[in-house]
Protein backbone atom coordinates (compact mmCIF):
# COMPACT_ATOMS: atom_id res chain seq x y z
CA UNK A 1 32.89 41.98 86.72
CA UNK A 2 30.38 43.71 85.23
CA UNK A 3 29.82 42.69 81.65
CA UNK A 4 28.65 39.07 80.86
CA UNK A 5 28.45 37.01 78.27
CA UNK A 6 26.24 33.96 79.91
CA UNK A 7 26.58 30.48 77.53
CA UNK A 8 26.42 31.99 73.59
CA UNK A 9 27.31 30.05 71.06
CA UNK A 10 30.10 31.82 68.99
CA UNK A 11 31.13 30.24 65.95
CA UNK A 12 34.44 31.16 63.58
CA UNK A 13 34.40 34.72 65.02
CA UNK A 14 37.90 36.58 64.22
CA UNK A 15 38.03 38.27 68.43
CA UNK A 16 41.69 39.60 67.73
CA UNK A 17 43.06 41.73 69.66
CA UNK A 18 39.23 42.50 71.44
CA UNK A 19 39.85 43.46 75.29
CA UNK A 20 36.92 40.91 77.23
CA UNK A 21 39.07 42.46 80.49
CA UNK A 22 36.51 41.77 82.69
CA UNK A 23 33.72 39.74 81.42
CA UNK A 24 32.18 36.51 82.49
CA UNK A 25 32.04 34.08 79.52
CA UNK A 26 30.30 31.34 81.66
CA UNK A 27 29.27 28.19 79.89
CA UNK A 28 30.13 29.88 76.31
CA UNK A 29 31.67 27.97 73.48
CA UNK A 30 34.23 29.19 71.40
CA UNK A 31 34.35 27.32 68.30
CA UNK A 32 37.26 27.93 65.70
CA UNK A 33 37.36 31.40 66.29
CA UNK A 34 40.84 33.88 66.32
CA UNK A 35 41.65 34.88 69.69
CA UNK A 36 44.88 35.77 69.29
CA UNK A 37 46.35 38.90 71.46
CA UNK A 38 42.57 38.91 73.40
CA UNK A 39 42.60 40.28 76.62
CA UNK A 40 40.88 37.62 79.17
CA UNK A 41 42.29 39.78 82.05
CA UNK A 42 40.21 38.77 85.20
CA UNK A 43 37.33 36.72 82.91
CA UNK A 44 35.45 34.17 83.77
CA UNK A 45 35.81 31.08 81.57
CA UNK A 46 34.43 28.47 84.23
CA UNK A 47 31.74 25.60 81.69
CA UNK A 48 33.49 27.86 78.39
CA UNK A 49 34.68 25.72 75.91
CA UNK A 50 38.03 27.15 74.38
CA UNK A 51 39.49 23.56 72.65
CA UNK A 52 39.39 24.74 68.47
CA UNK A 53 40.81 27.65 68.49
CA UNK A 54 42.21 29.02 65.13
CA UNK A 55 45.16 29.64 66.46
CA UNK A 56 44.99 28.03 69.72
CA UNK A 57 44.68 30.43 72.62
CA UNK A 58 48.11 31.01 74.26
CA UNK A 59 48.81 29.86 78.03
CA UNK A 60 49.62 33.06 79.69
CA UNK A 61 45.73 33.75 78.23
CA UNK A 62 44.44 31.19 80.39
CA UNK A 63 46.66 32.15 83.41
CA UNK A 64 45.61 36.22 83.18
CA UNK A 65 41.76 34.76 83.76
CA UNK A 66 39.56 34.90 86.59
CA UNK A 67 39.94 31.40 86.85
CA UNK A 68 43.26 30.51 87.17
CA UNK A 69 44.20 32.73 89.40
CA UNK A 70 42.00 31.56 91.66
CA UNK A 71 42.33 27.82 91.13
CA UNK A 72 39.36 27.12 88.68
CA UNK A 73 40.21 25.92 86.13
CA UNK A 74 37.70 23.09 86.87
CA UNK A 75 35.25 22.84 84.14
CA UNK A 76 37.07 24.09 81.09
CA UNK A 77 37.95 22.97 77.71
CA UNK A 78 41.05 23.93 76.84
CA UNK A 79 43.40 22.99 73.60
CA UNK A 80 45.46 19.57 75.12
CA UNK A 81 48.34 21.59 75.00
CA UNK A 82 47.46 23.85 77.41
CA UNK A 83 45.34 21.58 79.51
CA UNK A 84 48.94 19.67 79.51
CA UNK A 85 51.15 22.73 80.20
CA UNK A 86 48.93 23.45 83.23
CA UNK A 87 49.42 19.76 84.31
CA UNK A 88 52.50 20.16 84.71
CA UNK A 89 52.33 23.19 86.63
CA UNK A 90 50.33 21.80 89.07
CA UNK A 91 52.23 18.87 89.40
CA UNK A 92 55.30 21.15 90.09
CA UNK A 93 53.71 22.70 92.68
CA UNK A 94 52.46 20.24 94.86
CA UNK A 95 55.88 18.45 94.46
CA UNK A 96 56.96 21.32 96.07
CA UNK A 97 55.10 21.86 99.04
CA UNK A 98 55.21 17.61 99.84
């Protein structure tokens, strides 16, 4: 990670196809932004609000982040559907390891 956009409030910005890989986006808020095909590979999204995107964020984007890869999904506001998918995935892993 060498680029930082910390605690920035983005409102209705078209980020489609932007490469944010490796960015530290901690504390940033994305309100009604277009995040279609954004590359979030190894991006840090701690304390981010990504819950109100048009079109919504997709699960694969979340799974590419530093947070997912390091099992640190706490403190992130995600779209309800993605949060539901992550919760279901976590329950499946828990059942398999018990």
